[in-house]
C-alpha atoms as a PDB file:
ATOM      1  CA  MET A   1     102.351 107.657 128.267  1.00  0.00           C
ATOM      2  CA  ALA A   2     101.845 103.972 128.993  1.00  0.00           C
ATOM      3  CA  ASP A   3      98.948 102.939 131.187  1.00  0.00           C
ATOM      4  CA  SER A   4      99.710 103.282 134.878  1.00  0.00           C
ATOM      5  CA  GLU A   5      99.616 100.314 137.230  1.00  0.00           C
ATOM      6  CA  TRP A   6      96.274  99.182 138.632  1.00  0.00           C
ATOM      7  CA  ILE A   7      95.506 100.749 142.035  1.00  0.00           C
ATOM      8  CA  GLN A   8      92.896  99.293 144.373  1.00  0.00           C
ATOM      9  CA  MET A   9      90.587 102.144 145.405  1.00  0.00           C
ATOM     10  CA  MET A  10      88.463 100.025 147.730  1.00  0.00           C
ATOM     11  CA  PRO A  11      87.403  96.356 147.852  1.00  0.00           C
ATOM     12  CA  GLY A  12      86.364  95.265 144.367  1.00  0.00           C
ATOM     13  CA  VAL A  13      87.228  98.593 142.680  1.00  0.00           C
ATOM     14  CA  GLN A  14      90.490  99.191 140.791  1.00  0.00           C
ATOM     15  CA  ARG A  15      91.642 102.088 138.627  1.00  0.00           C
ATOM     16  CA  ARG A  16      94.485 103.014 136.322  1.00  0.00           C
ATOM     17  CA  ILE A  17      95.324 106.192 134.483  1.00  0.00           C
ATOM     18  CA  LYS A  18      95.021 105.752 130.709  1.00  0.00           C
ATOM     19  CA  ALA A  19      95.963 109.323 129.704  1.00  0.00           C
ATOM     20  CA  ASP A  20      97.117 112.260 131.791  1.00  0.00           C
ATOM     21  CA  GLY A  21      97.349 115.829 130.546  1.00  0.00           C
ATOM     22  CA  GLU A  22      97.602 119.345 131.839  1.00  0.00           C
ATOM     23  CA  LYS A  23      93.823 119.924 131.831  1.00  0.00           C
ATOM     24  CA  VAL A  24      92.231 116.481 131.532  1.00  0.00           C
ATOM     25  CA  MET A  25      92.737 112.908 132.781  1.00  0.00           C
ATOM     26  CA  LEU A  26      91.281 109.608 131.504  1.00  0.00           C
ATOM     27  CA  VAL A  27      90.931 106.799 134.049  1.00  0.00           C
ATOM     28  CA  GLU A  28      89.813 103.195 133.509  1.00  0.00           C
ATOM     29  CA  VAL A  29      87.888 101.756 136.463  1.00  0.00           C
ATOM     30  CA  HIS A  30      87.047  98.074 137.002  1.00  0.00           C
ATOM     31  CA  PHE A  31      84.225  97.139 139.409  1.00  0.00           C
ATOM     32  CA  ASP A  32      83.575  93.607 140.614  1.00  0.00           C
ATOM     33  CA  SER A  33      79.871  92.801 140.757  1.00  0.00           C
ATOM     34  CA  GLY A  34      78.385  94.419 143.869  1.00  0.00           C
ATOM     35  CA  ALA A  35      81.401  96.662 144.507  1.00  0.00           C
ATOM     36  CA  ALA A  36      80.656 100.258 145.441  1.00  0.00           C
ATOM     37  CA  VAL A  37      82.241 103.682 145.605  1.00  0.00           C
ATOM     38  CA  PRO A  38      80.565 105.411 148.581  1.00  0.00           C
ATOM     39  CA  GLY A  39      79.097 108.897 148.442  1.00  0.00           C
ATOM     40  CA  HIS A  40      81.656 111.636 147.834  1.00  0.00           C
ATOM     41  CA  ASN A  41      82.293 114.799 145.874  1.00  0.00           C
ATOM     42  CA  HIS A  42      85.328 116.501 144.349  1.00  0.00           C
ATOM     43  CA  PRO A  43      86.116 119.787 142.619  1.00  0.00           C
ATOM     44  CA  HIS A  44      86.697 118.066 139.257  1.00  0.00           C
ATOM     45  CA  GLU A  45      84.091 117.791 136.524  1.00  0.00           C
ATOM     46  CA  GLN A  46      83.671 114.127 135.622  1.00  0.00           C
ATOM     47  CA  VAL A  47      82.253 112.268 132.652  1.00  0.00           C
ATOM     48  CA  SER A  48      81.751 108.517 133.095  1.00  0.00           C
ATOM     49  CA  TYR A  49      81.289 106.194 130.108  1.00  0.00           C
ATOM     50  CA  ILE A  50      80.177 102.599 130.675  1.00  0.00           C
ATOM     51  CA  VAL A  51      82.424 100.375 128.540  1.00  0.00           C
ATOM     52  CA  SER A  52      80.755  97.174 129.767  1.00  0.00           C
ATOM     53  CA  GLY A  53      78.391  96.102 132.516  1.00  0.00           C
ATOM     54  CA  ARG A  54      75.792  97.982 134.518  1.00  0.00           C
ATOM     55  CA  LEU A  55      76.338 100.645 137.164  1.00  0.00           C
ATOM     56  CA  ARG A  56      73.845 102.297 139.512  1.00  0.00           C
ATOM     57  CA  PHE A  57      74.769 105.941 140.085  1.00  0.00           C
ATOM     58  CA  ILE A  58      73.216 108.201 142.659  1.00  0.00           C
ATOM     59  CA  LEU A  59      73.759 111.846 141.707  1.00  0.00           C
ATOM     60  CA  TYR A  60      72.190 114.578 143.859  1.00  0.00           C
ATOM     61  CA  GLY A  61      70.062 111.815 145.397  1.00  0.00           C
ATOM     62  CA  GLU A  62      68.646 110.716 142.016  1.00  0.00           C
ATOM     63  CA  VAL A  63      69.139 107.032 141.127  1.00  0.00           C
ATOM     64  CA  MET A  64      70.282 106.315 137.576  1.00  0.00           C
ATOM     65  CA  ASP A  65      70.906 102.847 136.168  1.00  0.00           C
ATOM     66  CA  LEU A  66      73.529 102.987 133.404  1.00  0.00           C
ATOM     67  CA  LYS A  67      74.404 100.172 130.993  1.00  0.00           C
ATOM     68  CA  THR A  68      77.034  99.541 128.332  1.00  0.00           C
ATOM     69  CA  GLY A  69      77.296 102.568 126.048  1.00  0.00           C
ATOM     70  CA  ASP A  70      75.689 105.040 128.473  1.00  0.00           C
ATOM     71  CA  SER A  71      77.473 108.098 129.838  1.00  0.00           C
ATOM     72  CA  LEU A  72      76.930 110.579 132.642  1.00  0.00           C
ATOM     73  CA  HIS A  73      78.213 114.087 133.365  1.00  0.00           C
ATOM     74  CA  ILE A  74      78.949 114.818 137.035  1.00  0.00           C
ATOM     75  CA  PRO A  75      79.339 118.538 137.761  1.00  0.00           C
ATOM     76  CA  SER A  76      82.065 119.892 139.998  1.00  0.00           C
ATOM     77  CA  ASN A  77      81.356 119.262 143.717  1.00  0.00           C
ATOM     78  CA  ALA A  78      78.211 117.201 142.985  1.00  0.00           C
ATOM     79  CA  PRO A  79      77.520 114.502 145.606  1.00  0.00           C
ATOM     80  CA  HIS A  80      77.540 111.084 143.930  1.00  0.00           C
ATOM     81  CA  GLU A  81      78.119 107.376 144.493  1.00  0.00           C
ATOM     82  CA  ALA A  82      78.166 104.229 142.359  1.00  0.00           C
ATOM     83  CA  THR A  83      77.449 100.510 142.784  1.00  0.00           C
ATOM     84  CA  ALA A  84      78.139  97.825 140.182  1.00  0.00           C
ATOM     85  CA  VAL A  85      75.015  95.811 139.398  1.00  0.00           C
ATOM     86  CA  GLU A  86      77.335  93.381 137.594  1.00  0.00           C
ATOM     87  CA  GLU A  87      81.036  93.344 136.705  1.00  0.00           C
ATOM     88  CA  THR A  88      81.593  96.740 135.076  1.00  0.00           C
ATOM     89  CA  VAL A  89      84.323  98.721 133.321  1.00  0.00           C
ATOM     90  CA  THR A  90      84.084 102.501 133.007  1.00  0.00           C
ATOM     91  CA  LEU A  91      86.188 105.233 131.483  1.00  0.00           C
ATOM     92  CA  ASP A  92      86.147 108.344 133.673  1.00  0.00           C
ATOM     93  CA  ILE A  93      87.314 111.718 132.410  1.00  0.00           C
ATOM     94  CA  PHE A  94      88.301 114.341 134.982  1.00  0.00           C
ATOM     95  CA  SER A  95      88.959 118.031 134.429  1.00  0.00           C
ATOM     96  CA  PRO A  96      91.153 119.301 135.890  1.00  0.00           C
ATOM     97  CA  PRO A  97      93.186 116.099 136.408  1.00  0.00           C
ATOM     98  CA  ARG A  98      93.017 114.420 139.814  1.00  0.00           C
ATOM     99  CA  GLU A  99      96.298 115.078 141.577  1.00  0.00           C
ATOM    100  CA  ASP A 100      95.337 112.464 144.210  1.00  0.00           C
ATOM    101  CA  PHE A 101      95.263 109.788 141.476  1.00  0.00           C
ATOM    102  CA  ARG A 102      98.829 110.604 140.388  1.00  0.00           C
ATOM    103  CA  ARG A 103     100.304 109.442 143.709  1.00  0.00           C
END
């Protein structure tokens, strides 16, 4: 499968599906510096890998500053949010795949 088109999730945050399977999905996310994904949760397990930049995650109320090369596991239904400290690219893995991202 070729990469999907870029979709703007919110101001300064874009995503595209890199790989999409029956049980797992890989999504590339680009954050402009200062852009944020507000607090939310979802039934999917998520692993986020920081390709470049720095991202501040809040997971279960705990603040974690991640930099290039760091990764984070987000359990199913865990409340979390993210803010880019600088321009950042992440690879996010979701299991099961996010049906809402396929639309």
